[in-house]
């Protein structure tokens, strides 16, 4: 089902195209960071744990931001069962809470940095 706004499909509006471009950039950034973290882990780099934490954070932010933007684009239809957008946003929030709370990730990164510097945390 295509949403019509101002007599045209919403996808032809420039503002919607900008939002979709932002969603694409966030998704690509998350994918790239996850791939880089995987390469770091596979090659045994010393910064692999930090890269993995960064990947968790970037992916969690992309998922929640993209989910919210998707609902924004679809308007009220994003909150109803006509679209699954609300389910994606709900899952993104659950996964973010379970795996990538920003304050916890920052604490882990700081602890790793202090450990590398030889400072007792």
PDB file of N, CA and C in Angstrom:
ATOM      1  N   UNK A   1       0.853  -1.179   0.000  1.00  0.00           N
ATOM      2  CA  UNK A   1       0.000   0.000   0.000  1.00  0.00           C
ATOM      3  C   UNK A   1       0.897   1.239   0.000  1.00  0.00           C
ATOM      4  N   UNK A   2       0.630   2.154  -0.884  1.00  0.00           N
ATOM      5  CA  UNK A   2       1.417   3.372  -1.007  1.00  0.00           C
ATOM      6  C   UNK A   2       0.679   4.523  -0.342  1.00  0.00           C
ATOM      7  N   UNK A   3       1.395   5.243   0.488  1.00  0.00           N
ATOM      8  CA  UNK A   3       0.787   6.400   1.151  1.00  0.00           C
ATOM      9  C   UNK A   3       0.786   7.587   0.193  1.00  0.00           C
ATOM     10  N   UNK A   4      -0.360   8.212   0.052  1.00  0.00           N
ATOM     11  CA  UNK A   4      -0.517   9.375  -0.819  1.00  0.00           C
ATOM     12  C   UNK A   4      -0.618  10.618   0.052  1.00  0.00           C
ATOM     13  N   UNK A   5       0.184  11.615  -0.260  1.00  0.00           N
ATOM     14  CA  UNK A   5       0.153  12.888   0.462  1.00  0.00           C
ATOM     15  C   UNK A   5       0.190  14.003  -0.572  1.00  0.00           C
ATOM     16  N   UNK A   6      -0.709  14.967  -0.459  1.00  0.00           N
ATOM     17  CA  UNK A   6      -0.815  16.076  -1.412  1.00  0.00           C
ATOM     18  C   UNK A   6      -1.019  15.573  -2.839  1.00  0.00           C
ATOM     19  N   UNK A   7      -1.739  14.471  -2.967  1.00  0.00           N
ATOM     20  CA  UNK A   7      -2.063  13.932  -4.280  1.00  0.00           C
ATOM     21  C   UNK A   7      -0.946  13.167  -4.958  1.00  0.00           C
ATOM     22  N   UNK A   8       0.160  12.934  -4.263  1.00  0.00           N
ATOM     23  CA  UNK A   8       1.298  12.213  -4.841  1.00  0.00           C
ATOM     24  C   UNK A   8       1.795  11.172  -3.839  1.00  0.00           C
ATOM     25  N   UNK A   9       2.439  10.113  -4.324  1.00  0.00           N
ATOM     26  CA  UNK A   9       3.065   9.179  -3.386  1.00  0.00           C
ATOM     27  C   UNK A   9       4.125   9.908  -2.559  1.00  0.00           C
ATOM     28  N   UNK A  10       4.253   9.550  -1.287  1.00  0.00           N
ATOM     29  CA  UNK A  10       5.169  10.301  -0.420  1.00  0.00           C
ATOM     30  C   UNK A  10       6.616  10.202  -0.877  1.00  0.00           C
ATOM     31  N   UNK A  11       6.957   9.151  -1.594  1.00  0.00           N
ATOM     32  CA  UNK A  11       8.337   8.961  -2.025  1.00  0.00           C
ATOM     33  C   UNK A  11       8.839   9.976  -3.030  1.00  0.00           C
ATOM     34  N   UNK A  12       7.949  10.737  -3.649  1.00  0.00           N
ATOM     35  CA  UNK A  12       8.397  11.733  -4.625  1.00  0.00           C
ATOM     36  C   UNK A  12       8.686  13.082  -3.973  1.00  0.00           C
ATOM     37  N   UNK A  13       8.347  13.256  -2.708  1.00  0.00           N
ATOM     38  CA  UNK A  13       8.617  14.512  -2.005  1.00  0.00           C
ATOM     39  C   UNK A  13      10.088  14.579  -1.610  1.00  0.00           C
ATOM     40  N   UNK A  14      10.705  15.735  -1.848  1.00  0.00           N
ATOM     41  CA  UNK A  14      12.137  15.885  -1.600  1.00  0.00           C
ATOM     42  C   UNK A  14      12.485  15.684  -0.127  1.00  0.00           C
ATOM     43  N   UNK A  15      11.655  16.163   0.776  1.00  0.00           N
ATOM     44  CA  UNK A  15      11.939  16.006   2.207  1.00  0.00           C
ATOM     45  C   UNK A  15      11.981  14.532   2.597  1.00  0.00           C
ATOM     46  N   UNK A  16      11.109  13.730   2.021  1.00  0.00           N
ATOM     47  CA  UNK A  16      11.097  12.291   2.297  1.00  0.00           C
ATOM     48  C   UNK A  16      12.348  11.641   1.721  1.00  0.00           C
ATOM     49  N   UNK A  17      12.754  12.085   0.545  1.00  0.00           N
ATOM     50  CA  UNK A  17      13.977  11.544  -0.060  1.00  0.00           C
ATOM     51  C   UNK A  17      15.189  11.835   0.822  1.00  0.00           C
ATOM     52  N   UNK A  18      15.228  13.014   1.425  1.00  0.00           N
ATOM     53  CA  UNK A  18      16.338  13.346   2.327  1.00  0.00           C
ATOM     54  C   UNK A  18      16.331  12.428   3.551  1.00  0.00           C
ATOM     55  N   UNK A  19      15.154  12.190   4.105  1.00  0.00           N
ATOM     56  CA  UNK A  19      15.062  11.293   5.262  1.00  0.00           C
ATOM     57  C   UNK A  19      15.518   9.884   4.887  1.00  0.00           C
ATOM     58  N   UNK A  20      15.098   9.415   3.727  1.00  0.00           N
ATOM     59  CA  UNK A  20      15.501   8.080   3.281  1.00  0.00           C
ATOM     60  C   UNK A  20      17.009   8.016   3.028  1.00  0.00           C
ATOM     61  N   UNK A  21      17.581   9.096   2.513  1.00  0.00           N
ATOM     62  CA  UNK A  21      19.035   9.146   2.313  1.00  0.00           C
ATOM     63  C   UNK A  21      19.765   9.073   3.647  1.00  0.00           C
ATOM     64  N   UNK A  22      19.267   9.802   4.638  1.00  0.00           N
ATOM     65  CA  UNK A  22      19.873   9.748   5.969  1.00  0.00           C
ATOM     66  C   UNK A  22      19.790   8.340   6.548  1.00  0.00           C
ATOM     67  N   UNK A  23      18.650   7.681   6.342  1.00  0.00           N
ATOM     68  CA  UNK A  23      18.501   6.307   6.824  1.00  0.00           C
ATOM     69  C   UNK A  23      19.512   5.390   6.145  1.00  0.00           C
ATOM     70  N   UNK A  24      19.700   5.579   4.854  1.00  0.00           N
ATOM     71  CA  UNK A  24      20.654   4.763   4.107  1.00  0.00           C
ATOM     72  C   UNK A  24      22.081   4.984   4.596  1.00  0.00           C
ATOM     73  N   UNK A  25      22.436   6.230   4.858  1.00  0.00           N
ATOM     74  CA  UNK A  25      23.784   6.545   5.347  1.00  0.00           C
ATOM     75  C   UNK A  25      24.010   5.911   6.719  1.00  0.00           C
ATOM     76  N   UNK A  26      23.017   6.011   7.608  1.00  0.00           N
ATOM     77  CA  UNK A  26      23.165   5.399   8.938  1.00  0.00           C
ATOM     78  C   UNK A  26      23.326   3.887   8.832  1.00  0.00           C
ATOM     79  N   UNK A  27      22.554   3.273   7.942  1.00  0.00           N
ATOM     80  CA  UNK A  27      22.646   1.825   7.759  1.00  0.00           C
ATOM     81  C   UNK A  27      24.014   1.434   7.217  1.00  0.00           C
ATOM     82  N   UNK A  28      24.505   2.171   6.245  1.00  0.00           N
ATOM     83  CA  UNK A  28      25.821   1.875   5.662  1.00  0.00           C
ATOM     84  C   UNK A  28      26.934   2.073   6.685  1.00  0.00           C
ATOM     85  N   UNK A  29      26.819   3.108   7.509  1.00  0.00           N
ATOM     86  CA  UNK A  29      27.828   3.340   8.551  1.00  0.00           C
ATOM     87  C   UNK A  29      27.847   2.186   9.546  1.00  0.00           C
ATOM     88  N   UNK A  30      26.675   1.714   9.929  1.00  0.00           N
ATOM     89  CA  UNK A  30      26.602   0.589  10.867  1.00  0.00           C
ATOM     90  C   UNK A  30      27.189  -0.669  10.241  1.00  0.00           C
ATOM     91  N   UNK A  31      26.816  -0.952   8.999  1.00  0.00           N
ATOM     92  CA  UNK A  31      27.324  -2.135   8.311  1.00  0.00           C
ATOM     93  C   UNK A  31      28.843  -2.085   8.183  1.00  0.00           C
ATOM     94  N   UNK A  32      29.362  -0.926   7.804  1.00  0.00           N
ATOM     95  CA  UNK A  32      30.804  -0.770   7.634  1.00  0.00           C
ATOM     96  C   UNK A  32      31.540  -0.948   8.954  1.00  0.00           C
ATOM     97  N   UNK A  33      31.010  -0.385  10.036  1.00  0.00           N
ATOM     98  CA  UNK A  33      31.661  -0.516  11.339  1.00  0.00           C
ATOM     99  C   UNK A  33      31.630  -1.962  11.821  1.00  0.00           C
ATOM    100  N   UNK A  34      30.517  -2.652  11.587  1.00  0.00           N
ATOM    101  CA  UNK A  34      30.428  -4.063  11.975  1.00  0.00           C
ATOM    102  C   UNK A  34      31.436  -4.893  11.188  1.00  0.00           C
ATOM    103  N   UNK A  35      31.547  -4.647   9.885  1.00  0.00           N
ATOM    104  CA  UNK A  35      32.530  -5.378   9.067  1.00  0.00           C
ATOM    105  C   UNK A  35      33.955  -5.089   9.524  1.00  0.00           C
ATOM    106  N   UNK A  36      34.244  -3.818   9.832  1.00  0.00           N
ATOM    107  CA  UNK A  36      35.584  -3.467  10.297  1.00  0.00           C
ATOM    108  C   UNK A  36      35.888  -4.140  11.635  1.00  0.00           C
ATOM    109  N   UNK A  37      34.909  -4.175  12.524  1.00  0.00           N
ATOM    110  CA  UNK A  37      35.110  -4.849  13.812  1.00  0.00           C
ATOM    111  C   UNK A  37      35.366  -6.337  13.607  1.00  0.00           C
ATOM    112  N   UNK A  38      34.657  -6.945  12.664  1.00  0.00           N
ATOM    113  CA  UNK A  38      34.868  -8.366  12.385  1.00  0.00           C
ATOM    114  C   UNK A  38      36.271  -8.618  11.849  1.00  0.00           C
ATOM    115  N   UNK A  39      36.755  -7.749  10.970  1.00  0.00           N
ATOM    116  CA  UNK A  39      38.116  -7.881  10.439  1.00  0.00           C
ATOM    117  C   UNK A  39      39.132  -7.716  11.565  1.00  0.00           C
ATOM    118  N   UNK A  40      38.898  -6.742  12.445  1.00  0.00           N
ATOM    119  CA  UNK A  40      39.809  -6.527  13.579  1.00  0.00           C
ATOM    120  C   UNK A  40      39.859  -7.749  14.483  1.00  0.00           C
ATOM    121  N   UNK A  41      38.696  -8.329  14.765  1.00  0.00           N
ATOM    122  CA  UNK A  41      38.657  -9.528  15.609  1.00  0.00           C
ATOM    123  C   UNK A  41      39.354 -10.701  14.930  1.00  0.00           C
ATOM    124  N   UNK A  42      39.104 -10.871  13.633  1.00  0.00           N
ATOM    125  CA  UNK A  42      39.701 -11.991  12.906  1.00  0.00           C
ATOM    126  C   UNK A  42      41.215 -11.866  12.794  1.00  0.00           C
ATOM    127  N   UNK A  43      41.711 -10.643  12.689  1.00  0.00           N
ATOM    128  CA  UNK A  43      43.154 -10.456  12.541  1.00  0.00           C
ATOM    129  C   UNK A  43      43.868 -10.280  13.874  1.00  0.00           C
ATOM    130  N   UNK A  44      43.123 -10.275  14.971  1.00  0.00           N
ATOM    131  CA  UNK A  44      43.735 -10.192  16.291  1.00  0.00           C
ATOM    132  C   UNK A  44      44.295  -8.830  16.643  1.00  0.00           C
ATOM    133  N   UNK A  45      43.744  -7.789  16.092  1.00  0.00           N
ATOM    134  CA  UNK A  45      44.226  -6.436  16.407  1.00  0.00           C
ATOM    135  C   UNK A  45      43.960  -6.111  17.871  1.00  0.00           C
ATOM    136  N   UNK A  46      44.823  -5.275  18.428  1.00  0.00           N
ATOM    137  CA  UNK A  46      44.692  -4.924  19.845  1.00  0.00           C
ATOM    138  C   UNK A  46      43.457  -4.074  20.126  1.00  0.00           C
ATOM    139  N   UNK A  47      42.969  -3.364  19.119  1.00  0.00           N
ATOM    140  CA  UNK A  47      41.795  -2.508  19.326  1.00  0.00           C
ATOM    141  C   UNK A  47      40.486  -3.194  18.939  1.00  0.00           C
ATOM    142  N   UNK A  48      40.508  -4.502  18.733  1.00  0.00           N
ATOM    143  CA  UNK A  48      39.307  -5.229  18.318  1.00  0.00           C
ATOM    144  C   UNK A  48      38.146  -5.089  19.307  1.00  0.00           C
ATOM    145  N   UNK A  49      38.385  -5.210  20.621  1.00  0.00           N
ATOM    146  CA  UNK A  49      37.248  -5.029  21.543  1.00  0.00           C
ATOM    147  C   UNK A  49      36.628  -3.635  21.459  1.00  0.00           C
ATOM    148  N   UNK A  50      37.448  -2.614  21.305  1.00  0.00           N
ATOM    149  CA  UNK A  50      36.918  -1.253  21.180  1.00  0.00           C
ATOM    150  C   UNK A  50      36.132  -1.099  19.880  1.00  0.00           C
ATOM    151  N   UNK A  51      36.620  -1.709  18.806  1.00  0.00           N
ATOM    152  CA  UNK A  51      35.898  -1.641  17.533  1.00  0.00           C
ATOM    153  C   UNK A  51      34.564  -2.378  17.617  1.00  0.00           C
ATOM    154  N   UNK A  52      34.544  -3.489  18.349  1.00  0.00           N
ATOM    155  CA  UNK A  52      33.289  -4.227  18.524  1.00  0.00           C
ATOM    156  C   UNK A  52      32.281  -3.406  19.326  1.00  0.00           C
ATOM    157  N   UNK A  53      32.751  -2.728  20.361  1.00  0.00           N
ATOM    158  CA  UNK A  53      31.862  -1.856  21.132  1.00  0.00           C
ATOM    159  C   UNK A  53      31.347  -0.705  20.276  1.00  0.00           C
ATOM    160  N   UNK A  54      32.225  -0.147  19.460  1.00  0.00           N
ATOM    161  CA  UNK A  54      31.800   0.934  18.564  1.00  0.00           C
ATOM    162  C   UNK A  54      30.756   0.426  17.573  1.00  0.00           C
ATOM    163  N   UNK A  55      30.952  -0.785  17.076  1.00  0.00           N
ATOM    164  CA  UNK A  55      29.990  -1.366  16.140  1.00  0.00           C
ATOM    165  C   UNK A  55      28.629  -1.551  16.801  1.00  0.00           C
ATOM    166  N   UNK A  56      28.636  -2.027  18.043  1.00  0.00           N
ATOM    167  CA  UNK A  56      27.367  -2.181  18.775  1.00  0.00           C
ATOM    168  C   UNK A  56      26.651  -0.852  18.895  1.00  0.00           C
ATOM    169  N   UNK A  57      27.388   0.185  19.237  1.00  0.00           N
ATOM    170  CA  UNK A  57      26.782   1.498  19.443  1.00  0.00           C
ATOM    171  C   UNK A  57      26.267   2.088  18.138  1.00  0.00           C
ATOM    172  N   UNK A  58      27.082   2.039  17.093  1.00  0.00           N
ATOM    173  CA  UNK A  58      26.668   2.602  15.803  1.00  0.00           C
ATOM    174  C   UNK A  58      25.450   1.850  15.262  1.00  0.00           C
ATOM    175  N   UNK A  59      25.464   0.530  15.370  1.00  0.00           N
ATOM    176  CA  UNK A  59      24.335  -0.261  14.874  1.00  0.00           C
ATOM    177  C   UNK A  59      23.066   0.006  15.679  1.00  0.00           C
ATOM    178  N   UNK A  60      23.198   0.111  16.991  1.00  0.00           N
ATOM    179  CA  UNK A  60      22.022   0.382  17.828  1.00  0.00           C
ATOM    180  C   UNK A  60      21.441   1.755  17.532  1.00  0.00           C
ATOM    181  N   UNK A  61      22.304   2.744  17.385  1.00  0.00           N
ATOM    182  CA  UNK A  61      21.820   4.089  17.058  1.00  0.00           C
ATOM    183  C   UNK A  61      21.150   4.117  15.687  1.00  0.00           C
ATOM    184  N   UNK A  62      21.742   3.446  14.722  1.00  0.00           N
ATOM    185  CA  UNK A  62      21.156   3.409  13.378  1.00  0.00           C
ATOM    186  C   UNK A  62      19.794   2.729  13.403  1.00  0.00           C
ATOM    187  N   UNK A  63      19.694   1.636  14.136  1.00  0.00           N
ATOM    188  CA  UNK A  63      18.422   0.907  14.185  1.00  0.00           C
ATOM    189  C   UNK A  63      17.317   1.741  14.819  1.00  0.00           C
ATOM    190  N   UNK A  64      17.602   2.371  15.961  1.00  0.00           N
ATOM    191  CA  UNK A  64      16.554   3.156  16.620  1.00  0.00           C
ATOM    192  C   UNK A  64      16.223   4.418  15.828  1.00  0.00           C
ATOM    193  N   UNK A  65      17.228   5.098  15.305  1.00  0.00           N
ATOM    194  CA  UNK A  65      16.965   6.311  14.522  1.00  0.00           C
ATOM    195  C   UNK A  65      16.208   5.992  13.232  1.00  0.00           C
ATOM    196  N   UNK A  66      16.603   4.910  12.560  1.00  0.00           N
ATOM    197  CA  UNK A  66      15.920   4.538  11.325  1.00  0.00           C
ATOM    198  C   UNK A  66      14.496   4.068  11.595  1.00  0.00           C
ATOM    199  N   UNK A  67      14.293   3.366  12.684  1.00  0.00           N
ATOM    200  CA  UNK A  67      12.938   2.950  13.042  1.00  0.00           C
ATOM    201  C   UNK A  67      12.038   4.141  13.310  1.00  0.00           C
ATOM    202  N   UNK A  68      12.551   5.110  14.053  1.00  0.00           N
ATOM    203  CA  UNK A  68      11.768   6.313  14.352  1.00  0.00           C
ATOM    204  C   UNK A  68      11.497   7.122  13.086  1.00  0.00           C
ATOM    205  N   UNK A  69      12.486   7.218  12.212  1.00  0.00           N
ATOM    206  CA  UNK A  69      12.292   7.949  10.961  1.00  0.00           C
ATOM    207  C   UNK A  69      11.272   7.246  10.072  1.00  0.00           C
ATOM    208  N   UNK A  70      11.313   5.927  10.039  1.00  0.00           N
ATOM    209  CA  UNK A  70      10.335   5.174   9.252  1.00  0.00           C
ATOM    210  C   UNK A  70       8.912   5.437   9.712  1.00  0.00           C
ATOM    211  N   UNK A  71       8.726   5.478  11.019  1.00  0.00           N
ATOM    212  CA  UNK A  71       7.396   5.787  11.551  1.00  0.00           C
ATOM    213  C   UNK A  71       7.019   7.221  11.215  1.00  0.00           C
ATOM    214  N   UNK A  72       7.972   8.124  11.317  1.00  0.00           N
ATOM    215  CA  UNK A  72       7.712   9.526  10.984  1.00  0.00           C
ATOM    216  C   UNK A  72       7.277   9.664   9.523  1.00  0.00           C
ATOM    217  N   UNK A  73       7.949   8.956   8.647  1.00  0.00           N
ATOM    218  CA  UNK A  73       7.622   9.018   7.221  1.00  0.00           C
ATOM    219  C   UNK A  73       6.214   8.488   6.958  1.00  0.00           C
ATOM    220  N   UNK A  74       5.866   7.400   7.607  1.00  0.00           N
ATOM    221  CA  UNK A  74       4.561   6.785   7.367  1.00  0.00           C
ATOM    222  C   UNK A  74       3.429   7.452   8.138  1.00  0.00           C
ATOM    223  N   UNK A  75       3.760   8.399   8.986  1.00  0.00           N
ATOM    224  CA  UNK A  75       2.720   9.089   9.739  1.00  0.00           C
ATOM    225  C   UNK A  75       2.001   8.137  10.671  1.00  0.00           C
ATOM    226  N   UNK A  76       0.729   8.302  10.817  1.00  0.00           N
ATOM    227  CA  UNK A  76      -0.055   7.455  11.714  1.00  0.00           C
ATOM    228  C   UNK A  76      -0.066   6.001  11.303  1.00  0.00           C
ATOM    229  N   UNK A  77       0.168   5.737  10.005  1.00  0.00           N
ATOM    230  CA  UNK A  77       0.170   4.349   9.546  1.00  0.00           C
ATOM    231  C   UNK A  77       1.326   3.567  10.160  1.00  0.00           C
ATOM    232  N   UNK A  78       2.366   4.257  10.588  1.00  0.00           N
ATOM    233  CA  UNK A  78       3.506   3.574  11.187  1.00  0.00           C
ATOM    234  C   UNK A  78       3.223   3.025  12.569  1.00  0.00           C
ATOM    235  N   UNK A  79       2.184   3.531  13.216  1.00  0.00           N
ATOM    236  CA  UNK A  79       1.825   3.064  14.553  1.00  0.00           C
ATOM    237  C   UNK A  79       0.765   1.974  14.528  1.00  0.00           C
ATOM    238  N   UNK A  80       0.182   1.719  13.383  1.00  0.00           N
ATOM    239  CA  UNK A  80      -0.897   0.744  13.292  1.00  0.00           C
ATOM    240  C   UNK A  80      -0.367  -0.550  12.697  1.00  0.00           C
ATOM    241  N   UNK A  81      -1.261  -1.508  12.585  1.00  0.00           N
ATOM    242  CA  UNK A  81      -0.855  -2.799  12.049  1.00  0.00           C
ATOM    243  C   UNK A  81      -0.892  -2.842  10.527  1.00  0.00           C
ATOM    244  N   UNK A  82      -1.090  -1.678   9.883  1.00  0.00           N
ATOM    245  CA  UNK A  82      -1.010  -1.624   8.427  1.00  0.00           C
ATOM    246  C   UNK A  82       0.434  -1.794   7.967  1.00  0.00           C
ATOM    247  N   UNK A  83       1.370  -1.374   8.803  1.00  0.00           N
ATOM    248  CA  UNK A  83       2.805  -1.486   8.511  1.00  0.00           C
ATOM    249  C   UNK A  83       3.495  -2.093   9.727  1.00  0.00           C
ATOM    250  N   UNK A  84       4.663  -2.668   9.496  1.00  0.00           N
ATOM    251  CA  UNK A  84       5.439  -3.267  10.585  1.00  0.00           C
ATOM    252  C   UNK A  84       6.439  -2.304  11.199  1.00  0.00           C
ATOM    253  N   UNK A  85       6.377  -1.032  10.847  1.00  0.00           N
ATOM    254  CA  UNK A  85       7.371  -0.062  11.312  1.00  0.00           C
ATOM    255  C   UNK A  85       7.450  -0.012  12.830  1.00  0.00           C
ATOM    256  N   UNK A  86       6.319  -0.073  13.500  1.00  0.00           N
ATOM    257  CA  UNK A  86       6.335  -0.001  14.962  1.00  0.00           C
ATOM    258  C   UNK A  86       7.027  -1.215  15.573  1.00  0.00           C
ATOM    259  N   UNK A  87       6.925  -2.360  14.908  1.00  0.00           N
ATOM    260  CA  UNK A  87       7.591  -3.564  15.412  1.00  0.00           C
ATOM    261  C   UNK A  87       9.106  -3.441  15.294  1.00  0.00           C
ATOM    262  N   UNK A  88       9.579  -2.867  14.197  1.00  0.00           N
ATOM    263  CA  UNK A  88      11.019  -2.686  14.017  1.00  0.00           C
ATOM    264  C   UNK A  88      11.590  -1.728  15.057  1.00  0.00           C
ATOM    265  N   UNK A  89      10.868  -0.656  15.321  1.00  0.00           N
ATOM    266  CA  UNK A  89      11.342   0.299  16.324  1.00  0.00           C
ATOM    267  C   UNK A  89      11.337  -0.331  17.711  1.00  0.00           C
ATOM    268  N   UNK A  90      10.315  -1.103  18.004  1.00  0.00           N
ATOM    269  CA  UNK A  90      10.247  -1.776  19.306  1.00  0.00           C
ATOM    270  C   UNK A  90      11.431  -2.728  19.481  1.00  0.00           C
ATOM    271  N   UNK A  91      11.714  -3.517  18.457  1.00  0.00           N
ATOM    272  CA  UNK A  91      12.851  -4.444  18.527  1.00  0.00           C
ATOM    273  C   UNK A  91      14.168  -3.703  18.667  1.00  0.00           C
ATOM    274  N   UNK A  92      14.307  -2.603  17.957  1.00  0.00           N
ATOM    275  CA  UNK A  92      15.541  -1.820  18.038  1.00  0.00           C
ATOM    276  C   UNK A  92      15.761  -1.305  19.452  1.00  0.00           C
ATOM    277  N   UNK A  93      14.702  -0.834  20.098  1.00  0.00           N
ATOM    278  CA  UNK A  93      14.837  -0.353  21.474  1.00  0.00           C
ATOM    279  C   UNK A  93      15.188  -1.491  22.429  1.00  0.00           C
ATOM    280  N   UNK A  94      14.595  -2.648  22.237  1.00  0.00           N
ATOM    281  CA  UNK A  94      14.902  -3.798  23.100  1.00  0.00           C
ATOM    282  C   UNK A  94      16.357  -4.213  22.925  1.00  0.00           C
ATOM    283  N   UNK A  95      16.808  -4.348  21.673  1.00  0.00           N
ATOM    284  CA  UNK A  95      18.194  -4.750  21.432  1.00  0.00           C
ATOM    285  C   UNK A  95      19.175  -3.708  21.952  1.00  0.00           C
ATOM    286  N   UNK A  96      18.832  -2.441  21.785  1.00  0.00           N
ATOM    287  CA  UNK A  96      19.715  -1.390  22.292  1.00  0.00           C
ATOM    288  C   UNK A  96      19.814  -1.477  23.806  1.00  0.00           C
ATOM    289  N   UNK A  97      18.690  -1.709  24.459  1.00  0.00           N
ATOM    290  CA  UNK A  97      18.695  -1.818  25.920  1.00  0.00           C
ATOM    291  C   UNK A  97      19.508  -3.032  26.372  1.00  0.00           C
ATOM    292  N   UNK A  98      19.401  -4.127  25.646  1.00  0.00           N
ATOM    293  CA  UNK A  98      20.104  -5.351  26.037  1.00  0.00           C
ATOM    294  C   UNK A  98      21.597  -5.313  25.732  1.00  0.00           C
ATOM    295  N   UNK A  99      21.982  -4.710  24.608  1.00  0.00           N
ATOM    296  CA  UNK A  99      23.353  -4.866  24.134  1.00  0.00           C
ATOM    297  C   UNK A  99      24.166  -3.592  23.993  1.00  0.00           C
ATOM    298  N   UNK A 100      23.545  -2.439  23.936  1.00  0.00           N
ATOM    299  CA  UNK A 100      24.338  -1.265  23.576  1.00  0.00           C
ATOM    300  C   UNK A 100      23.878   0.009  24.267  1.00  0.00           C
ATOM    301  N   UNK A 101      23.645  -0.049  25.566  1.00  0.00           N
ATOM    302  CA  UNK A 101      23.321   1.186  26.284  1.00  0.00           C
ATOM    303  C   UNK A 101      24.532   2.111  26.200  1.00  0.00           C
ATOM    304  N   UNK A 102      24.358   3.331  25.720  1.00  0.00           N
ATOM    305  CA  UNK A 102      25.505   4.228  25.509  1.00  0.00           C
ATOM    306  C   UNK A 102      26.370   4.438  26.745  1.00  0.00           C
ATOM    307  N   UNK A 103      25.773   4.590  27.915  1.00  0.00           N
ATOM    308  CA  UNK A 103      26.574   4.819  29.120  1.00  0.00           C
ATOM    309  C   UNK A 103      27.414   3.596  29.465  1.00  0.00           C
ATOM    310  N   UNK A 104      26.860   2.402  29.249  1.00  0.00           N
ATOM    311  CA  UNK A 104      27.612   1.182  29.532  1.00  0.00           C
ATOM    312  C   UNK A 104      28.751   0.999  28.533  1.00  0.00           C
ATOM    313  N   UNK A 105      28.490   1.289  27.269  1.00  0.00           N
ATOM    314  CA  UNK A 105      29.530   1.170  26.243  1.00  0.00           C
ATOM    315  C   UNK A 105      30.656   2.154  26.530  1.00  0.00           C
ATOM    316  N   UNK A 106      30.304   3.385  26.901  1.00  0.00           N
ATOM    317  CA  UNK A 106      31.324   4.383  27.226  1.00  0.00           C
ATOM    318  C   UNK A 106      32.155   3.935  28.421  1.00  0.00           C
ATOM    319  N   UNK A 107      31.517   3.383  29.434  1.00  0.00           N
ATOM    320  CA  UNK A 107      32.252   2.897  30.602  1.00  0.00           C
ATOM    321  C   UNK A 107      33.209   1.772  30.214  1.00  0.00           C
ATOM    322  N   UNK A 108      32.755   0.859  29.340  1.00  0.00           N
ATOM    323  CA  UNK A 108      33.628  -0.230  28.895  1.00  0.00           C
ATOM    324  C   UNK A 108      34.812   0.304  28.091  1.00  0.00           C
ATOM    325  N   UNK A 109      34.549   1.265  27.203  1.00  0.00           N
ATOM    326  CA  UNK A 109      35.640   1.843  26.411  1.00  0.00           C
ATOM    327  C   UNK A 109      36.659   2.549  27.293  1.00  0.00           C
ATOM    328  N   UNK A 110      36.182   3.296  28.279  1.00  0.00           N
ATOM    329  CA  UNK A 110      37.101   3.977  29.194  1.00  0.00           C
ATOM    330  C   UNK A 110      37.906   2.979  30.009  1.00  0.00           C
ATOM    331  N   UNK A 111      37.269   1.907  30.454  1.00  0.00           N
ATOM    332  CA  UNK A 111      37.981   0.882  31.218  1.00  0.00           C
ATOM    333  C   UNK A 111      39.062   0.226  30.362  1.00  0.00           C
ATOM    334  N   UNK A 112      38.741  -0.057  29.099  1.00  0.00           N
ATOM    335  CA  UNK A 112      39.735  -0.645  28.204  1.00  0.00           C
ATOM    336  C   UNK A 112      40.896   0.313  27.966  1.00  0.00           C
ATOM    337  N   UNK A 113      40.587   1.582  27.784  1.00  0.00           N
ATOM    338  CA  UNK A 113      41.620   2.582  27.547  1.00  0.00           C
ATOM    339  C   UNK A 113      42.533   2.709  28.761  1.00  0.00           C
ATOM    340  N   UNK A 114      41.936   2.729  29.947  1.00  0.00           N
ATOM    341  CA  UNK A 114      42.741   2.815  31.167  1.00  0.00           C
ATOM    342  C   UNK A 114      43.589   1.565  31.357  1.00  0.00           C
ATOM    343  N   UNK A 115      43.033   0.405  31.012  1.00  0.00           N
ATOM    344  CA  UNK A 115      43.789  -0.838  31.143  1.00  0.00           C
ATOM    345  C   UNK A 115      44.987  -0.847  30.194  1.00  0.00           C
ATOM    346  N   UNK A 116      44.812  -0.307  28.988  1.00  0.00           N
ATOM    347  CA  UNK A 116      45.924  -0.249  28.038  1.00  0.00           C
ATOM    348  C   UNK A 116      47.008   0.704  28.512  1.00  0.00           C
ATOM    349  N   UNK A 117      46.601   1.758  29.223  1.00  0.00           N
ATOM    350  CA  UNK A 117      47.567   2.721  29.745  1.00  0.00           C
ATOM    351  C   UNK A 117      48.208   2.247  31.045  1.00  0.00           C
ATOM    352  N   UNK A 118      47.722   1.121  31.580  1.00  0.00           N
ATOM    353  CA  UNK A 118      48.283   0.586  32.811  1.00  0.00           C
ATOM    354  C   UNK A 118      47.760   1.249  34.068  1.00  0.00           C
ATOM    355  N   UNK A 119      46.636   1.924  33.979  1.00  0.00           N
ATOM    356  CA  UNK A 119      46.035   2.584  35.134  1.00  0.00           C
ATOM    357  C   UNK A 119      44.994   1.652  35.724  1.00  0.00           C
ATOM    358  N   UNK A 120      44.999   1.496  37.035  1.00  0.00           N
ATOM    359  CA  UNK A 120      44.009   0.648  37.694  1.00  0.00           C
ATOM    360  C   UNK A 120      42.656   1.344  37.670  1.00  0.00           C
ATOM    361  N   UNK A 121      41.643   0.615  37.214  1.00  0.00           N
ATOM    362  CA  UNK A 121      40.300   1.207  37.124  1.00  0.00           C
ATOM    363  C   UNK A 121      39.539   1.032  38.406  1.00  0.00           C
TER     364      UNK A 121
END
